[in-house]
PDB file of all heavy atoms in Angstrom:
ATOM      1  N   THR A   1       3.507  -1.071  -8.549  1.00  0.00           N
ATOM      2  CA  THR A   1       3.989  -1.191  -7.172  1.00  0.00           C
ATOM      3  C   THR A   1       3.602  -2.546  -6.598  1.00  0.00           C
ATOM      4  O   THR A   1       2.586  -3.124  -6.992  1.00  0.00           O
ATOM      5  CB  THR A   1       3.403  -0.081  -6.280  1.00  0.00           C
ATOM      6  OG1 THR A   1       1.959  -0.169  -6.291  1.00  0.00           O
ATOM      7  CG2 THR A   1       3.812   1.296  -6.782  1.00  0.00           C
ATOM      8  N   PRO A   2       4.399  -3.087  -5.671  1.00  0.00           N
ATOM      9  CA  PRO A   2       4.031  -4.360  -5.039  1.00  0.00           C
ATOM     10  C   PRO A   2       2.658  -4.265  -4.378  1.00  0.00           C
ATOM     11  O   PRO A   2       2.334  -3.259  -3.753  1.00  0.00           O
ATOM     12  CB  PRO A   2       5.143  -4.553  -3.993  1.00  0.00           C
ATOM     13  CG  PRO A   2       6.317  -3.801  -4.548  1.00  0.00           C
ATOM     14  CD  PRO A   2       5.720  -2.601  -5.231  1.00  0.00           C
ATOM     15  N   ILE A   3       1.865  -5.315  -4.522  1.00  0.00           N
ATOM     16  CA  ILE A   3       0.510  -5.286  -3.994  1.00  0.00           C
ATOM     17  C   ILE A   3       0.510  -5.455  -2.478  1.00  0.00           C
ATOM     18  O   ILE A   3       1.451  -6.001  -1.887  1.00  0.00           O
ATOM     19  CB  ILE A   3      -0.384  -6.360  -4.646  1.00  0.00           C
ATOM     20  CG1 ILE A   3       0.113  -7.773  -4.295  1.00  0.00           C
ATOM     21  CG2 ILE A   3      -0.470  -6.160  -6.147  1.00  0.00           C
ATOM     22  CD1 ILE A   3      -0.829  -8.871  -4.751  1.00  0.00           C
ATOM     23  N   PHE A   4      -0.548  -4.968  -1.844  1.00  0.00           N
ATOM     24  CA  PHE A   4      -0.804  -5.168  -0.428  1.00  0.00           C
ATOM     25  C   PHE A   4      -2.044  -6.059  -0.277  1.00  0.00           C
ATOM     26  O   PHE A   4      -2.787  -6.264  -1.244  1.00  0.00           O
ATOM     27  CB  PHE A   4      -1.055  -3.824   0.271  1.00  0.00           C
ATOM     28  CG  PHE A   4       0.201  -3.101   0.684  1.00  0.00           C
ATOM     29  CD1 PHE A   4       0.153  -1.741   1.017  1.00  0.00           C
ATOM     30  CD2 PHE A   4       1.422  -3.748   0.771  1.00  0.00           C
ATOM     31  CE1 PHE A   4       1.296  -1.068   1.424  1.00  0.00           C
ATOM     32  CE2 PHE A   4       2.570  -3.076   1.170  1.00  0.00           C
ATOM     33  CZ  PHE A   4       2.506  -1.735   1.493  1.00  0.00           C
ATOM     34  N   THR A   5      -2.250  -6.554   0.939  1.00  0.00           N
ATOM     35  CA  THR A   5      -3.411  -7.403   1.225  1.00  0.00           C
ATOM     36  C   THR A   5      -4.226  -6.783   2.352  1.00  0.00           C
ATOM     37  O   THR A   5      -3.977  -5.636   2.761  1.00  0.00           O
ATOM     38  CB  THR A   5      -2.951  -8.805   1.637  1.00  0.00           C
ATOM     39  OG1 THR A   5      -2.302  -8.741   2.917  1.00  0.00           O
ATOM     40  CG2 THR A   5      -1.983  -9.388   0.608  1.00  0.00           C
ATOM     41  N   ASP A   6      -5.164  -7.569   2.906  1.00  0.00           N
ATOM     42  CA  ASP A   6      -5.970  -7.054   4.015  1.00  0.00           C
ATOM     43  C   ASP A   6      -5.169  -6.926   5.309  1.00  0.00           C
ATOM     44  O   ASP A   6      -5.675  -6.433   6.308  1.00  0.00           O
ATOM     45  CB  ASP A   6      -7.206  -7.918   4.239  1.00  0.00           C
ATOM     46  CG  ASP A   6      -6.870  -9.375   4.526  1.00  0.00           C
ATOM     47  OD1 ASP A   6      -5.680  -9.732   4.492  1.00  0.00           O
ATOM     48  OD2 ASP A   6      -7.804 -10.166   4.781  1.00  0.00           O
ATOM     49  N   GLU A   7      -3.896  -7.349   5.276  1.00  0.00           N
ATOM     50  CA  GLU A   7      -3.014  -7.145   6.429  1.00  0.00           C
ATOM     51  C   GLU A   7      -2.560  -5.690   6.532  1.00  0.00           C
ATOM     52  O   GLU A   7      -2.014  -5.277   7.556  1.00  0.00           O
ATOM     53  CB  GLU A   7      -1.766  -8.033   6.324  1.00  0.00           C
ATOM     54  CG  GLU A   7      -2.038  -9.526   6.248  1.00  0.00           C
ATOM     55  CD  GLU A   7      -0.768 -10.310   5.963  1.00  0.00           C
ATOM     56  OE1 GLU A   7       0.323  -9.695   6.015  1.00  0.00           O
ATOM     57  OE2 GLU A   7      -0.846 -11.515   5.695  1.00  0.00           O
ATOM     58  N   HIS A   8      -2.748  -4.933   5.457  1.00  0.00           N
ATOM     59  CA  HIS A   8      -2.161  -3.590   5.366  1.00  0.00           C
ATOM     60  C   HIS A   8      -3.205  -2.479   5.425  1.00  0.00           C
ATOM     61  O   HIS A   8      -2.967  -1.373   4.942  1.00  0.00           O
ATOM     62  CB  HIS A   8      -1.353  -3.479   4.071  1.00  0.00           C
ATOM     63  CG  HIS A   8      -0.265  -4.498   3.937  1.00  0.00           C
ATOM     64  ND1 HIS A   8      -0.446  -5.700   3.290  1.00  0.00           N
ATOM     65  CD2 HIS A   8       1.019  -4.496   4.398  1.00  0.00           C
ATOM     66  CE1 HIS A   8       0.682  -6.394   3.319  1.00  0.00           C
ATOM     67  NE2 HIS A   8       1.577  -5.707   3.982  1.00  0.00           N
ATOM     68  N   TRP A   9      -4.357  -2.751   6.024  1.00  0.00           N
ATOM     69  CA  TRP A   9      -5.420  -1.756   6.134  1.00  0.00           C
ATOM     70  C   TRP A   9      -4.918  -0.441   6.745  1.00  0.00           C
ATOM     71  O   TRP A   9      -5.349   0.645   6.351  1.00  0.00           O
ATOM     72  CB  TRP A   9      -6.543  -2.292   7.013  1.00  0.00           C
ATOM     73  CG  TRP A   9      -7.643  -3.027   6.323  1.00  0.00           C
ATOM     74  CD1 TRP A   9      -7.881  -4.368   6.375  1.00  0.00           C
ATOM     75  CD2 TRP A   9      -8.685  -2.484   5.501  1.00  0.00           C
ATOM     76  NE1 TRP A   9      -8.998  -4.691   5.632  1.00  0.00           N
ATOM     77  CE2 TRP A   9      -9.525  -3.550   5.091  1.00  0.00           C
ATOM     78  CE3 TRP A   9      -9.006  -1.190   5.081  1.00  0.00           C
ATOM     79  CZ2 TRP A   9     -10.638  -3.371   4.293  1.00  0.00           C
ATOM     80  CZ3 TRP A   9     -10.125  -1.005   4.271  1.00  0.00           C
ATOM     81  CH2 TRP A   9     -10.920  -2.080   3.888  1.00  0.00           C
ATOM     82  N   ASP A  10      -4.057  -0.556   7.752  1.00  0.00           N
ATOM     83  CA  ASP A  10      -3.707   0.621   8.566  1.00  0.00           C
ATOM     84  C   ASP A  10      -2.295   1.132   8.336  1.00  0.00           C
ATOM     85  O   ASP A  10      -1.737   1.841   9.179  1.00  0.00           O
ATOM     86  CB  ASP A  10      -3.929   0.294  10.044  1.00  0.00           C
ATOM     87  CG  ASP A  10      -5.382  -0.017  10.351  1.00  0.00           C
ATOM     88  OD1 ASP A  10      -6.246   0.816  10.007  1.00  0.00           O
ATOM     89  OD2 ASP A  10      -5.666  -1.109  10.894  1.00  0.00           O
ATOM     90  N   VAL A  11      -1.692   0.782   7.207  1.00  0.00           N
ATOM     91  CA  VAL A  11      -0.386   1.352   6.860  1.00  0.00           C
ATOM     92  C   VAL A  11      -0.575   2.813   6.464  1.00  0.00           C
ATOM     93  O   VAL A  11      -1.368   3.108   5.558  1.00  0.00           O
ATOM     94  CB  VAL A  11       0.267   0.574   5.698  1.00  0.00           C
ATOM     95  CG1 VAL A  11       1.533   1.277   5.221  1.00  0.00           C
ATOM     96  CG2 VAL A  11       0.571  -0.855   6.109  1.00  0.00           C
ATOM     97  N   PRO A  12       0.109   3.756   7.119  1.00  0.00           N
ATOM     98  CA  PRO A  12      -0.014   5.167   6.712  1.00  0.00           C
ATOM     99  C   PRO A  12       0.448   5.342   5.264  1.00  0.00           C
ATOM    100  O   PRO A  12       1.515   4.842   4.887  1.00  0.00           O
ATOM    101  CB  PRO A  12       0.912   5.899   7.689  1.00  0.00           C
ATOM    102  CG  PRO A  12       1.022   4.987   8.867  1.00  0.00           C
ATOM    103  CD  PRO A  12       0.973   3.601   8.302  1.00  0.00           C
ATOM    104  N   LEU A  13      -0.350   6.009   4.478  1.00  0.00           N
ATOM    105  CA  LEU A  13      -0.018   6.191   3.068  1.00  0.00           C
ATOM    106  C   LEU A  13       0.880   7.411   2.886  1.00  0.00           C
ATOM    107  O   LEU A  13       0.472   8.472   2.420  1.00  0.00           O
ATOM    108  CB  LEU A  13      -1.307   6.300   2.249  1.00  0.00           C
ATOM    109  CG  LEU A  13      -2.147   5.022   2.228  1.00  0.00           C
ATOM    110  CD1 LEU A  13      -3.472   5.252   1.514  1.00  0.00           C
ATOM    111  CD2 LEU A  13      -1.392   3.869   1.589  1.00  0.00           C
ATOM    112  N   ASP A  14       2.125   7.232   3.304  1.00  0.00           N
ATOM    113  CA  ASP A  14       3.177   8.204   3.052  1.00  0.00           C
ATOM    114  C   ASP A  14       4.372   7.446   2.500  1.00  0.00           C
ATOM    115  O   ASP A  14       4.427   6.214   2.550  1.00  0.00           O
ATOM    116  CB  ASP A  14       3.543   8.990   4.314  1.00  0.00           C
ATOM    117  CG  ASP A  14       4.046   8.101   5.434  1.00  0.00           C
ATOM    118  OD1 ASP A  14       5.146   7.539   5.291  1.00  0.00           O
ATOM    119  OD2 ASP A  14       3.343   7.946   6.456  1.00  0.00           O
ATOM    120  N   PHE A  15       5.345   8.167   1.941  1.00  0.00           N
ATOM    121  CA  PHE A  15       6.445   7.520   1.235  1.00  0.00           C
ATOM    122  C   PHE A  15       7.209   6.540   2.119  1.00  0.00           C
ATOM    123  O   PHE A  15       7.515   5.421   1.706  1.00  0.00           O
ATOM    124  CB  PHE A  15       7.405   8.587   0.684  1.00  0.00           C
ATOM    125  CG  PHE A  15       6.803   9.424  -0.404  1.00  0.00           C
ATOM    126  CD1 PHE A  15       6.355  10.719  -0.150  1.00  0.00           C
ATOM    127  CD2 PHE A  15       6.674   8.937  -1.699  1.00  0.00           C
ATOM    128  CE1 PHE A  15       5.799  11.499  -1.153  1.00  0.00           C
ATOM    129  CE2 PHE A  15       6.117   9.708  -2.709  1.00  0.00           C
ATOM    130  CZ  PHE A  15       5.676  10.992  -2.431  1.00  0.00           C
ATOM    131  N   GLU A  16       7.510   6.938   3.349  1.00  0.00           N
ATOM    132  CA  GLU A  16       8.343   6.106   4.219  1.00  0.00           C
ATOM    133  C   GLU A  16       7.593   4.881   4.738  1.00  0.00           C
ATOM    134  O   GLU A  16       8.121   3.765   4.743  1.00  0.00           O
ATOM    135  CB  GLU A  16       8.865   6.932   5.402  1.00  0.00           C
ATOM    136  CG  GLU A  16       9.905   7.976   5.028  1.00  0.00           C
ATOM    137  CD  GLU A  16       9.325   9.156   4.264  1.00  0.00           C
ATOM    138  OE1 GLU A  16       8.142   9.500   4.518  1.00  0.00           O
ATOM    139  OE2 GLU A  16      10.034   9.720   3.401  1.00  0.00           O
ATOM    140  N   SER A  17       6.362   5.070   5.185  1.00  0.00           N
ATOM    141  CA  SER A  17       5.610   3.963   5.780  1.00  0.00           C
ATOM    142  C   SER A  17       5.283   2.888   4.754  1.00  0.00           C
ATOM    143  O   SER A  17       5.369   1.683   5.042  1.00  0.00           O
ATOM    144  CB  SER A  17       4.325   4.481   6.425  1.00  0.00           C
ATOM    145  OG  SER A  17       4.599   5.401   7.453  1.00  0.00           O
ATOM    146  N   VAL A  18       4.902   3.305   3.558  1.00  0.00           N
ATOM    147  CA  VAL A  18       4.582   2.336   2.514  1.00  0.00           C
ATOM    148  C   VAL A  18       5.837   1.566   2.106  1.00  0.00           C
ATOM    149  O   VAL A  18       5.805   0.347   1.900  1.00  0.00           O
ATOM    150  CB  VAL A  18       3.933   3.026   1.299  1.00  0.00           C
ATOM    151  CG1 VAL A  18       3.750   2.041   0.149  1.00  0.00           C
ATOM    152  CG2 VAL A  18       2.589   3.629   1.691  1.00  0.00           C
ATOM    153  N   ALA A  19       6.968   2.273   2.011  1.00  0.00           N
ATOM    154  CA  ALA A  19       8.227   1.605   1.672  1.00  0.00           C
ATOM    155  C   ALA A  19       8.626   0.606   2.756  1.00  0.00           C
ATOM    156  O   ALA A  19       9.081  -0.502   2.462  1.00  0.00           O
ATOM    157  CB  ALA A  19       9.328   2.634   1.465  1.00  0.00           C
ATOM    158  N   ALA A  20       8.444   0.989   4.020  1.00  0.00           N
ATOM    159  CA  ALA A  20       8.784   0.095   5.125  1.00  0.00           C
ATOM    160  C   ALA A  20       7.924  -1.162   5.122  1.00  0.00           C
ATOM    161  O   ALA A  20       8.364  -2.231   5.564  1.00  0.00           O
ATOM    162  CB  ALA A  20       8.630   0.829   6.453  1.00  0.00           C
ATOM    163  N   ALA A  21       6.694  -1.047   4.594  1.00  0.00           N
ATOM    164  CA  ALA A  21       5.788  -2.195   4.535  1.00  0.00           C
ATOM    165  C   ALA A  21       6.019  -3.052   3.294  1.00  0.00           C
ATOM    166  O   ALA A  21       5.368  -4.086   3.124  1.00  0.00           O
ATOM    167  CB  ALA A  21       4.338  -1.719   4.572  1.00  0.00           C
ATOM    168  N   GLY A  22       6.935  -2.615   2.413  1.00  0.00           N
ATOM    169  CA  GLY A  22       7.304  -3.446   1.272  1.00  0.00           C
ATOM    170  C   GLY A  22       6.757  -3.033  -0.074  1.00  0.00           C
ATOM    171  O   GLY A  22       6.819  -3.802  -1.027  1.00  0.00           O
ATOM    172  N   SER A  23       6.245  -1.790  -0.186  1.00  0.00           N
ATOM    173  CA  SER A  23       5.742  -1.341  -1.482  1.00  0.00           C
ATOM    174  C   SER A  23       6.185   0.098  -1.723  1.00  0.00           C
ATOM    175  O   SER A  23       7.145   0.559  -1.112  1.00  0.00           O
ATOM    176  CB  SER A  23       4.212  -1.458  -1.534  1.00  0.00           C
ATOM    177  OG  SER A  23       3.735  -1.212  -2.844  1.00  0.00           O
ATOM    178  N   MET A  24       5.490   0.806  -2.615  1.00  0.00           N
ATOM    179  CA  MET A  24       5.798   2.199  -2.926  1.00  0.00           C
ATOM    180  C   MET A  24       4.503   2.996  -3.006  1.00  0.00           C
ATOM    181  O   MET A  24       3.494   2.484  -3.508  1.00  0.00           O
ATOM    182  CB  MET A  24       6.556   2.313  -4.251  1.00  0.00           C
ATOM    183  CG  MET A  24       7.921   1.649  -4.263  1.00  0.00           C
ATOM    184  SD  MET A  24       8.744   1.833  -5.856  1.00  0.00           S
ATOM    185  CE  MET A  24       7.710   0.796  -6.888  1.00  0.00           C
ATOM    186  N   LEU A  25       4.557   4.242  -2.528  1.00  0.00           N
ATOM    187  CA  LEU A  25       3.363   5.088  -2.584  1.00  0.00           C
ATOM    188  C   LEU A  25       3.022   5.466  -4.016  1.00  0.00           C
ATOM    189  O   LEU A  25       1.848   5.609  -4.377  1.00  0.00           O
ATOM    190  CB  LEU A  25       3.562   6.337  -1.732  1.00  0.00           C
ATOM    191  CG  LEU A  25       2.358   7.251  -1.564  1.00  0.00           C
ATOM    192  CD1 LEU A  25       1.210   6.519  -0.888  1.00  0.00           C
ATOM    193  CD2 LEU A  25       2.733   8.498  -0.757  1.00  0.00           C
ATOM    194  N   GLY A  26       4.054   5.631  -4.838  1.00  0.00           N
ATOM    195  CA  GLY A  26       3.845   5.890  -6.259  1.00  0.00           C
ATOM    196  C   GLY A  26       2.896   7.033  -6.526  1.00  0.00           C
ATOM    197  O   GLY A  26       3.030   8.130  -5.975  1.00  0.00           O
ATOM    198  N   THR A  27       1.897   6.790  -7.353  1.00  0.00           N
ATOM    199  CA  THR A  27       0.940   7.821  -7.763  1.00  0.00           C
ATOM    200  C   THR A  27      -0.337   7.799  -6.936  1.00  0.00           C
ATOM    201  O   THR A  27      -1.341   8.402  -7.317  1.00  0.00           O
ATOM    202  CB  THR A  27       0.570   7.646  -9.241  1.00  0.00           C
ATOM    203  OG1 THR A  27       0.122   6.301  -9.447  1.00  0.00           O
ATOM    204  CG2 THR A  27       1.771   7.910 -10.137  1.00  0.00           C
ATOM    205  N   ARG A  28      -0.317   7.063  -5.823  1.00  0.00           N
ATOM    206  CA  ARG A  28      -1.488   6.975  -4.935  1.00  0.00           C
ATOM    207  C   ARG A  28      -2.724   6.466  -5.674  1.00  0.00           C
ATOM    208  O   ARG A  28      -3.841   6.912  -5.428  1.00  0.00           O
ATOM    209  CB  ARG A  28      -1.768   8.330  -4.283  1.00  0.00           C
ATOM    210  CG  ARG A  28      -0.799   8.673  -3.175  1.00  0.00           C
ATOM    211  CD  ARG A  28      -0.677  10.168  -2.925  1.00  0.00           C
ATOM    212  NE  ARG A  28       0.160  10.775  -3.940  1.00  0.00           N
ATOM    213  CZ  ARG A  28      -0.247  11.709  -4.770  1.00  0.00           C
ATOM    214  NH1 ARG A  28      -1.483  12.159  -4.700  1.00  0.00           N
ATOM    215  NH2 ARG A  28       0.576  12.214  -5.662  1.00  0.00           N
ATOM    216  N   ALA A  29      -2.475   5.500  -6.585  1.00  0.00           N
ATOM    217  CA  ALA A  29      -3.571   4.879  -7.331  1.00  0.00           C
ATOM    218  C   ALA A  29      -3.966   3.601  -6.605  1.00  0.00           C
ATOM    219  O   ALA A  29      -3.323   2.566  -6.749  1.00  0.00           O
ATOM    220  CB  ALA A  29      -3.136   4.568  -8.757  1.00  0.00           C
ATOM    221  N   LEU A  30      -5.023   3.689  -5.799  1.00  0.00           N
ATOM    222  CA  LEU A  30      -5.453   2.570  -4.972  1.00  0.00           C
ATOM    223  C   LEU A  30      -6.510   1.760  -5.719  1.00  0.00           C
ATOM    224  O   LEU A  30      -7.669   2.163  -5.805  1.00  0.00           O
ATOM    225  CB  LEU A  30      -6.009   3.075  -3.635  1.00  0.00           C
ATOM    226  CG  LEU A  30      -4.983   3.486  -2.567  1.00  0.00           C
ATOM    227  CD1 LEU A  30      -4.139   4.664  -3.014  1.00  0.00           C
ATOM    228  CD2 LEU A  30      -5.689   3.848  -1.270  1.00  0.00           C
ATOM    229  N   GLN A  31      -6.086   0.624  -6.269  1.00  0.00           N
ATOM    230  CA  GLN A  31      -7.019  -0.286  -6.939  1.00  0.00           C
ATOM    231  C   GLN A  31      -7.434  -1.344  -5.917  1.00  0.00           C
ATOM    232  O   GLN A  31      -6.593  -2.057  -5.389  1.00  0.00           O
ATOM    233  CB  GLN A  31      -6.349  -0.945  -8.137  1.00  0.00           C
ATOM    234  CG  GLN A  31      -5.898   0.056  -9.193  1.00  0.00           C
ATOM    235  CD  GLN A  31      -5.056  -0.602 -10.274  1.00  0.00           C
ATOM    236  OE1 GLN A  31      -5.569  -1.050 -11.293  1.00  0.00           O
ATOM    237  NE2 GLN A  31      -3.760  -0.658 -10.062  1.00  0.00           N
ATOM    238  N   ILE A  32      -8.723  -1.425  -5.658  1.00  0.00           N
ATOM    239  CA  ILE A  32      -9.241  -2.273  -4.591  1.00  0.00           C
ATOM    240  C   ILE A  32      -9.909  -3.509  -5.198  1.00  0.00           C
ATOM    241  O   ILE A  32     -10.807  -3.388  -6.038  1.00  0.00           O
ATOM    242  CB  ILE A  32     -10.271  -1.501  -3.738  1.00  0.00           C
ATOM    243  CG1 ILE A  32      -9.733  -0.104  -3.363  1.00  0.00           C
ATOM    244  CG2 ILE A  32     -10.639  -2.302  -2.505  1.00  0.00           C
ATOM    245  CD1 ILE A  32      -8.472  -0.106  -2.549  1.00  0.00           C
ATOM    246  N   PHE A  33      -9.492  -4.694  -4.756  1.00  0.00           N
ATOM    247  CA  PHE A  33     -10.045  -5.944  -5.267  1.00  0.00           C
ATOM    248  C   PHE A  33     -10.594  -6.779  -4.115  1.00  0.00           C
ATOM    249  O   PHE A  33      -9.925  -6.944  -3.097  1.00  0.00           O
ATOM    250  CB  PHE A  33      -8.972  -6.743  -6.008  1.00  0.00           C
ATOM    251  CG  PHE A  33      -8.393  -6.024  -7.207  1.00  0.00           C
ATOM    252  CD1 PHE A  33      -7.263  -5.234  -7.072  1.00  0.00           C
ATOM    253  CD2 PHE A  33      -8.981  -6.140  -8.452  1.00  0.00           C
ATOM    254  CE1 PHE A  33      -6.720  -4.570  -8.162  1.00  0.00           C
ATOM    255  CE2 PHE A  33      -8.451  -5.485  -9.557  1.00  0.00           C
ATOM    256  CZ  PHE A  33      -7.320  -4.689  -9.413  1.00  0.00           C
ATOM    257  N   ASP A  34     -11.794  -7.323  -4.302  1.00  0.00           N
ATOM    258  CA  ASP A  34     -12.360  -8.177  -3.262  1.00  0.00           C
ATOM    259  C   ASP A  34     -12.102  -9.653  -3.564  1.00  0.00           C
ATOM    260  O   ASP A  34     -11.369  -9.993  -4.509  1.00  0.00           O
ATOM    261  CB  ASP A  34     -13.852  -7.876  -3.045  1.00  0.00           C
ATOM    262  CG  ASP A  34     -14.716  -8.226  -4.252  1.00  0.00           C
ATOM    263  OD1 ASP A  34     -14.295  -9.064  -5.072  1.00  0.00           O
ATOM    264  OD2 ASP A  34     -15.812  -7.657  -4.368  1.00  0.00           O
ATOM    265  N   GLU A  35     -12.728 -10.535  -2.776  1.00  0.00           N
ATOM    266  CA  GLU A  35     -12.397 -11.965  -2.836  1.00  0.00           C
ATOM    267  C   GLU A  35     -12.885 -12.645  -4.103  1.00  0.00           C
ATOM    268  O   GLU A  35     -12.529 -13.805  -4.364  1.00  0.00           O
ATOM    269  CB  GLU A  35     -12.971 -12.682  -1.601  1.00  0.00           C
ATOM    270  CG  GLU A  35     -14.456 -13.017  -1.650  1.00  0.00           C
ATOM    271  CD  GLU A  35     -15.379 -11.822  -1.484  1.00  0.00           C
ATOM    272  OE1 GLU A  35     -14.871 -10.716  -1.176  1.00  0.00           O
ATOM    273  OE2 GLU A  35     -16.600 -11.978  -1.639  1.00  0.00           O
TER     274      GLU A  35
END
């Protein structure tokens, strides 16, 4: 799925909201990477 950044902290993790923000909810596999 397209990656998100720290701009997307508060995007609701549902199918529609994630798609509207430019990605996909997919399998809800949240891989978190720091600086």
